[in-house]
């Protein structure tokens, strides 16, 4: 299995659940602070769903609310990725990455499928 990385914010409950899940399953992983070391642009491009790019946003973040992202229309996936790179606190967490693949958020069933 290729290396697993989980991008987290330490105060994030979903991130804590994801880390607990990985530990319980005995999966070796690297934990990365998403604010200090945001995911690479290429990885975010893999994680952002082109058909629903707003699902990549953390709707609770201050920047999300200040920029009124809920009412913004994005023309391209690149716009979303660039905005998330500039404001990593707006990235939906956790971000689980393995090789060239990545998923956002935490759901046990999704993690089980992703990590097969």
N, C-alpha and C. Protein backbone atom coordinates (compact mmCIF):
# COMPACT_ATOMS: atom_id res chain seq x y z
N UNK A 1 0.86 -1.19 0.00
CA UNK A 1 0.00 0.00 0.00
C UNK A 1 0.89 1.24 0.00
N UNK A 2 0.55 2.20 -0.84
CA UNK A 2 1.35 3.42 -0.86
C UNK A 2 1.08 4.24 0.41
N UNK A 3 1.95 5.18 0.66
CA UNK A 3 1.89 5.98 1.89
C UNK A 3 0.56 6.72 2.03
N UNK A 4 0.05 6.72 3.25
CA UNK A 4 -1.21 7.39 3.56
C UNK A 4 -0.89 8.65 4.35
N UNK A 5 -1.50 9.75 3.92
CA UNK A 5 -1.36 11.01 4.64
C UNK A 5 -2.76 11.49 4.99
N UNK A 6 -2.88 12.05 6.18
CA UNK A 6 -4.15 12.66 6.55
C UNK A 6 -3.86 14.09 6.98
N UNK A 7 -4.46 15.03 6.26
CA UNK A 7 -4.29 16.46 6.53
C UNK A 7 -5.38 16.86 7.51
N UNK A 8 -4.97 17.40 8.66
CA UNK A 8 -5.91 17.70 9.74
C UNK A 8 -5.67 19.07 10.34
N UNK A 9 -6.66 19.52 11.08
CA UNK A 9 -6.53 20.65 11.98
C UNK A 9 -6.78 20.04 13.36
N UNK A 10 -5.88 20.26 14.30
CA UNK A 10 -5.95 19.54 15.57
C UNK A 10 -7.26 19.74 16.32
N UNK A 11 -7.90 20.88 16.18
CA UNK A 11 -9.15 21.13 16.90
C UNK A 11 -10.39 20.57 16.19
N UNK A 12 -10.20 19.98 15.04
CA UNK A 12 -11.31 19.49 14.22
C UNK A 12 -11.77 18.11 14.70
N UNK A 13 -13.05 18.01 15.06
CA UNK A 13 -13.59 16.73 15.55
C UNK A 13 -13.57 15.65 14.49
N UNK A 14 -13.92 15.99 13.25
CA UNK A 14 -13.90 15.00 12.17
C UNK A 14 -12.48 14.47 11.95
N UNK A 15 -11.52 15.37 12.10
CA UNK A 15 -10.11 14.97 11.95
C UNK A 15 -9.72 13.99 13.04
N UNK A 16 -10.16 14.27 14.25
CA UNK A 16 -9.86 13.39 15.38
C UNK A 16 -10.49 12.01 15.17
N UNK A 17 -11.70 11.99 14.64
CA UNK A 17 -12.37 10.72 14.34
C UNK A 17 -11.61 9.94 13.26
N UNK A 18 -11.16 10.65 12.24
CA UNK A 18 -10.43 10.01 11.15
C UNK A 18 -9.12 9.40 11.66
N UNK A 19 -8.39 10.15 12.47
CA UNK A 19 -7.13 9.65 13.03
C UNK A 19 -7.41 8.42 13.91
N UNK A 20 -8.45 8.49 14.71
CA UNK A 20 -8.83 7.35 15.55
C UNK A 20 -9.17 6.13 14.72
N UNK A 21 -9.88 6.34 13.63
CA UNK A 21 -10.24 5.24 12.72
C UNK A 21 -8.99 4.59 12.14
N UNK A 22 -8.08 5.41 11.64
CA UNK A 22 -6.85 4.88 11.04
C UNK A 22 -6.02 4.10 12.08
N UNK A 23 -5.94 4.63 13.28
CA UNK A 23 -5.20 3.95 14.35
C UNK A 23 -5.86 2.63 14.71
N UNK A 24 -7.18 2.63 14.83
CA UNK A 24 -7.93 1.42 15.18
C UNK A 24 -7.74 0.33 14.13
N UNK A 25 -7.65 0.74 12.87
CA UNK A 25 -7.48 -0.22 11.77
C UNK A 25 -6.01 -0.63 11.58
N UNK A 26 -5.12 -0.02 12.35
CA UNK A 26 -3.70 -0.36 12.25
C UNK A 26 -3.05 0.11 10.96
N UNK A 27 -3.55 1.19 10.42
CA UNK A 27 -3.01 1.73 9.16
C UNK A 27 -1.91 2.74 9.47
N UNK A 28 -0.75 2.53 8.88
CA UNK A 28 0.35 3.48 9.04
C UNK A 28 0.01 4.74 8.24
N UNK A 29 0.16 5.88 8.87
CA UNK A 29 -0.15 7.12 8.18
C UNK A 29 0.71 8.25 8.74
N UNK A 30 0.81 9.29 7.93
CA UNK A 30 1.49 10.52 8.34
C UNK A 30 0.41 11.56 8.58
N UNK A 31 0.44 12.19 9.73
CA UNK A 31 -0.51 13.25 10.05
C UNK A 31 0.14 14.59 9.72
N UNK A 32 -0.56 15.41 8.94
CA UNK A 32 -0.03 16.69 8.48
C UNK A 32 -0.98 17.81 8.91
N UNK A 33 -0.43 18.88 9.47
CA UNK A 33 -1.23 20.04 9.85
C UNK A 33 -1.59 20.79 8.56
N UNK A 34 -2.87 20.82 8.26
CA UNK A 34 -3.35 21.39 7.00
C UNK A 34 -3.10 22.89 6.89
N UNK A 35 -3.02 23.57 8.04
CA UNK A 35 -2.79 25.02 8.01
C UNK A 35 -1.31 25.35 7.82
N UNK A 36 -0.42 24.55 8.41
CA UNK A 36 1.01 24.80 8.28
C UNK A 36 1.57 24.24 6.97
N UNK A 37 1.02 23.13 6.52
CA UNK A 37 1.49 22.46 5.30
C UNK A 37 0.29 22.06 4.44
N UNK A 38 -0.32 23.03 3.76
CA UNK A 38 -1.50 22.71 2.95
C UNK A 38 -1.17 21.68 1.86
N UNK A 39 -2.17 20.92 1.46
CA UNK A 39 -1.92 19.93 0.40
C UNK A 39 -1.48 20.60 -0.89
N UNK A 40 -0.71 19.88 -1.66
CA UNK A 40 -0.23 20.38 -2.95
C UNK A 40 -1.41 20.64 -3.88
N UNK A 41 -1.20 21.54 -4.79
CA UNK A 41 -2.24 21.90 -5.76
C UNK A 41 -2.74 20.66 -6.51
N UNK A 42 -1.81 19.82 -6.92
CA UNK A 42 -2.15 18.62 -7.68
C UNK A 42 -3.06 17.70 -6.85
N UNK A 43 -2.79 17.59 -5.56
CA UNK A 43 -3.60 16.75 -4.68
C UNK A 43 -5.00 17.35 -4.49
N UNK A 44 -5.06 18.65 -4.32
CA UNK A 44 -6.37 19.30 -4.19
C UNK A 44 -7.19 19.13 -5.47
N UNK A 45 -6.53 19.17 -6.60
CA UNK A 45 -7.24 18.97 -7.86
C UNK A 45 -7.90 17.59 -7.90
N UNK A 46 -7.24 16.60 -7.31
CA UNK A 46 -7.80 15.24 -7.25
C UNK A 46 -8.97 15.18 -6.27
N UNK A 47 -8.90 15.95 -5.19
CA UNK A 47 -9.91 15.89 -4.14
C UNK A 47 -11.18 16.67 -4.47
N UNK A 48 -11.05 17.75 -5.21
CA UNK A 48 -12.21 18.59 -5.51
C UNK A 48 -13.05 17.94 -6.62
N UNK A 49 -14.32 17.77 -6.33
CA UNK A 49 -15.26 17.18 -7.27
C UNK A 49 -15.70 18.25 -8.26
N UNK A 50 -15.36 18.06 -9.52
CA UNK A 50 -15.68 19.06 -10.55
C UNK A 50 -17.19 19.29 -10.67
N UNK A 51 -18.00 18.27 -10.40
CA UNK A 51 -19.45 18.43 -10.53
C UNK A 51 -20.07 19.12 -9.30
N UNK A 52 -19.33 19.14 -8.19
CA UNK A 52 -19.82 19.78 -6.97
C UNK A 52 -18.64 20.41 -6.22
N UNK A 53 -18.01 21.43 -6.81
CA UNK A 53 -16.80 21.98 -6.20
C UNK A 53 -17.00 22.61 -4.82
N UNK A 54 -18.21 23.07 -4.53
CA UNK A 54 -18.45 23.69 -3.22
C UNK A 54 -18.39 22.68 -2.09
N UNK A 55 -18.50 21.39 -2.40
CA UNK A 55 -18.41 20.36 -1.36
C UNK A 55 -17.00 20.26 -0.79
N UNK A 56 -16.04 20.91 -1.41
CA UNK A 56 -14.65 20.91 -0.95
C UNK A 56 -14.41 21.94 0.15
N UNK A 57 -15.41 22.76 0.44
CA UNK A 57 -15.25 23.84 1.41
C UNK A 57 -15.71 23.44 2.80
N UNK A 58 -14.99 23.95 3.78
CA UNK A 58 -15.38 23.85 5.19
C UNK A 58 -16.35 25.00 5.44
N UNK A 59 -17.63 24.68 5.52
CA UNK A 59 -18.65 25.73 5.63
C UNK A 59 -18.62 26.46 6.97
N UNK A 60 -17.88 25.92 7.93
CA UNK A 60 -17.79 26.56 9.25
C UNK A 60 -16.64 27.55 9.36
N UNK A 61 -15.78 27.59 8.35
CA UNK A 61 -14.62 28.47 8.45
C UNK A 61 -15.01 29.94 8.34
N UNK A 62 -14.25 30.75 9.02
CA UNK A 62 -14.48 32.20 9.04
C UNK A 62 -14.39 32.77 7.62
N UNK A 63 -13.36 32.34 6.87
CA UNK A 63 -13.17 32.86 5.51
C UNK A 63 -14.33 32.48 4.60
N UNK A 64 -14.85 31.27 4.77
CA UNK A 64 -15.98 30.81 3.96
C UNK A 64 -17.15 31.78 4.13
N UNK A 65 -17.41 32.13 5.38
CA UNK A 65 -18.53 33.03 5.67
C UNK A 65 -18.23 34.45 5.20
N UNK A 66 -17.00 34.92 5.45
CA UNK A 66 -16.63 36.28 5.05
C UNK A 66 -16.68 36.47 3.55
N UNK A 67 -16.26 35.46 2.81
CA UNK A 67 -16.23 35.56 1.35
C UNK A 67 -17.57 35.15 0.73
N UNK A 68 -18.53 34.78 1.58
CA UNK A 68 -19.87 34.39 1.14
C UNK A 68 -19.81 33.34 0.02
N UNK A 69 -19.00 32.32 0.25
CA UNK A 69 -18.77 31.26 -0.75
C UNK A 69 -20.08 30.58 -1.14
N UNK A 70 -21.01 30.48 -0.20
CA UNK A 70 -22.30 29.83 -0.51
C UNK A 70 -22.99 30.48 -1.71
N UNK A 71 -22.73 31.75 -1.92
CA UNK A 71 -23.38 32.48 -3.02
C UNK A 71 -22.45 32.81 -4.18
N UNK A 72 -21.27 32.24 -4.18
CA UNK A 72 -20.32 32.48 -5.26
C UNK A 72 -20.50 31.43 -6.35
N UNK A 73 -20.43 31.86 -7.60
CA UNK A 73 -20.48 30.93 -8.73
C UNK A 73 -19.06 30.76 -9.26
N UNK A 74 -18.60 29.53 -9.24
CA UNK A 74 -17.26 29.25 -9.77
C UNK A 74 -17.39 28.75 -11.20
N UNK A 75 -16.56 29.32 -12.07
CA UNK A 75 -16.59 28.93 -13.47
C UNK A 75 -15.74 27.69 -13.73
N UNK A 76 -14.66 27.54 -12.95
CA UNK A 76 -13.76 26.41 -13.18
C UNK A 76 -13.34 25.77 -11.85
N UNK A 77 -12.94 24.54 -11.95
CA UNK A 77 -12.40 23.82 -10.79
C UNK A 77 -11.11 24.49 -10.33
N UNK A 78 -10.34 25.02 -11.28
CA UNK A 78 -9.08 25.70 -10.97
C UNK A 78 -9.31 26.87 -10.01
N UNK A 79 -10.39 27.62 -10.21
CA UNK A 79 -10.73 28.74 -9.31
C UNK A 79 -10.88 28.25 -7.87
N UNK A 80 -11.57 27.13 -7.71
CA UNK A 80 -11.81 26.57 -6.38
C UNK A 80 -10.49 26.12 -5.76
N UNK A 81 -9.70 25.39 -6.53
CA UNK A 81 -8.41 24.89 -6.03
C UNK A 81 -7.50 26.05 -5.63
N UNK A 82 -7.42 27.06 -6.46
CA UNK A 82 -6.57 28.22 -6.14
C UNK A 82 -7.03 28.93 -4.87
N UNK A 83 -8.34 29.09 -4.72
CA UNK A 83 -8.89 29.73 -3.53
C UNK A 83 -8.60 28.90 -2.28
N UNK A 84 -8.73 27.60 -2.38
CA UNK A 84 -8.45 26.72 -1.24
C UNK A 84 -6.96 26.73 -0.88
N UNK A 85 -6.10 26.80 -1.87
CA UNK A 85 -4.65 26.86 -1.61
C UNK A 85 -4.30 28.15 -0.87
N UNK A 86 -4.95 29.25 -1.25
CA UNK A 86 -4.70 30.54 -0.61
C UNK A 86 -5.27 30.59 0.81
N UNK A 87 -6.32 29.82 1.07
CA UNK A 87 -7.03 29.84 2.35
C UNK A 87 -7.24 28.40 2.84
N UNK A 88 -6.20 27.75 3.33
CA UNK A 88 -6.32 26.34 3.69
C UNK A 88 -7.34 26.05 4.80
N UNK A 89 -7.71 27.05 5.58
CA UNK A 89 -8.73 26.81 6.61
C UNK A 89 -10.10 26.56 5.97
N UNK A 90 -10.25 26.93 4.71
CA UNK A 90 -11.52 26.70 4.01
C UNK A 90 -11.62 25.29 3.43
N UNK A 91 -10.55 24.52 3.48
CA UNK A 91 -10.57 23.16 2.94
C UNK A 91 -11.38 22.26 3.88
N UNK A 92 -12.31 21.53 3.33
CA UNK A 92 -13.07 20.57 4.14
C UNK A 92 -12.11 19.52 4.69
N UNK A 93 -12.25 19.25 5.97
CA UNK A 93 -11.30 18.35 6.63
C UNK A 93 -12.00 17.10 7.14
N UNK A 94 -11.19 16.08 7.37
CA UNK A 94 -9.81 15.90 6.98
C UNK A 94 -9.69 15.61 5.49
N UNK A 95 -8.48 15.71 4.99
CA UNK A 95 -8.19 15.31 3.62
C UNK A 95 -7.31 14.08 3.73
N UNK A 96 -7.80 12.96 3.21
CA UNK A 96 -7.06 11.70 3.23
C UNK A 96 -6.45 11.48 1.87
N UNK A 97 -5.16 11.23 1.84
CA UNK A 97 -4.47 11.06 0.56
C UNK A 97 -3.66 9.77 0.56
N UNK A 98 -3.67 9.12 -0.58
CA UNK A 98 -2.84 7.94 -0.80
C UNK A 98 -2.42 7.94 -2.26
N UNK A 99 -1.14 8.07 -2.49
CA UNK A 99 -0.65 8.15 -3.87
C UNK A 99 -1.22 9.38 -4.55
N UNK A 100 -1.84 9.15 -5.69
CA UNK A 100 -2.41 10.24 -6.48
C UNK A 100 -3.88 10.50 -6.16
N UNK A 101 -4.43 9.78 -5.18
CA UNK A 101 -5.86 9.90 -4.87
C UNK A 101 -6.07 10.62 -3.55
N UNK A 102 -7.23 11.27 -3.43
CA UNK A 102 -7.55 11.99 -2.19
C UNK A 102 -9.06 12.10 -2.03
N UNK A 103 -9.50 12.10 -0.76
CA UNK A 103 -10.91 12.34 -0.46
C UNK A 103 -11.00 13.34 0.68
N UNK A 104 -12.11 14.05 0.71
CA UNK A 104 -12.35 15.08 1.73
C UNK A 104 -13.41 14.62 2.71
N UNK A 105 -13.28 15.05 3.96
CA UNK A 105 -14.25 14.72 4.98
C UNK A 105 -13.98 13.35 5.56
N UNK A 106 -14.77 12.97 6.56
CA UNK A 106 -14.61 11.65 7.16
C UNK A 106 -15.92 10.89 7.16
N UNK A 107 -15.87 9.70 6.57
CA UNK A 107 -16.98 8.76 6.59
C UNK A 107 -16.34 7.38 6.62
N UNK A 108 -16.68 6.56 7.62
CA UNK A 108 -16.04 5.25 7.77
C UNK A 108 -16.14 4.40 6.51
N UNK A 109 -17.31 4.36 5.91
CA UNK A 109 -17.50 3.54 4.71
C UNK A 109 -16.62 4.03 3.56
N UNK A 110 -16.55 5.35 3.40
CA UNK A 110 -15.70 5.91 2.35
C UNK A 110 -14.22 5.59 2.61
N UNK A 111 -13.81 5.69 3.86
CA UNK A 111 -12.43 5.39 4.20
C UNK A 111 -12.11 3.92 3.93
N UNK A 112 -13.03 3.03 4.32
CA UNK A 112 -12.82 1.59 4.11
C UNK A 112 -12.63 1.29 2.63
N UNK A 113 -13.47 1.88 1.79
CA UNK A 113 -13.37 1.69 0.34
C UNK A 113 -12.07 2.30 -0.20
N UNK A 114 -11.78 3.51 0.20
CA UNK A 114 -10.59 4.23 -0.27
C UNK A 114 -9.29 3.51 0.09
N UNK A 115 -9.25 2.90 1.26
CA UNK A 115 -8.01 2.30 1.75
C UNK A 115 -7.83 0.83 1.37
N UNK A 116 -8.75 0.27 0.62
CA UNK A 116 -8.63 -1.13 0.17
C UNK A 116 -7.43 -1.33 -0.68
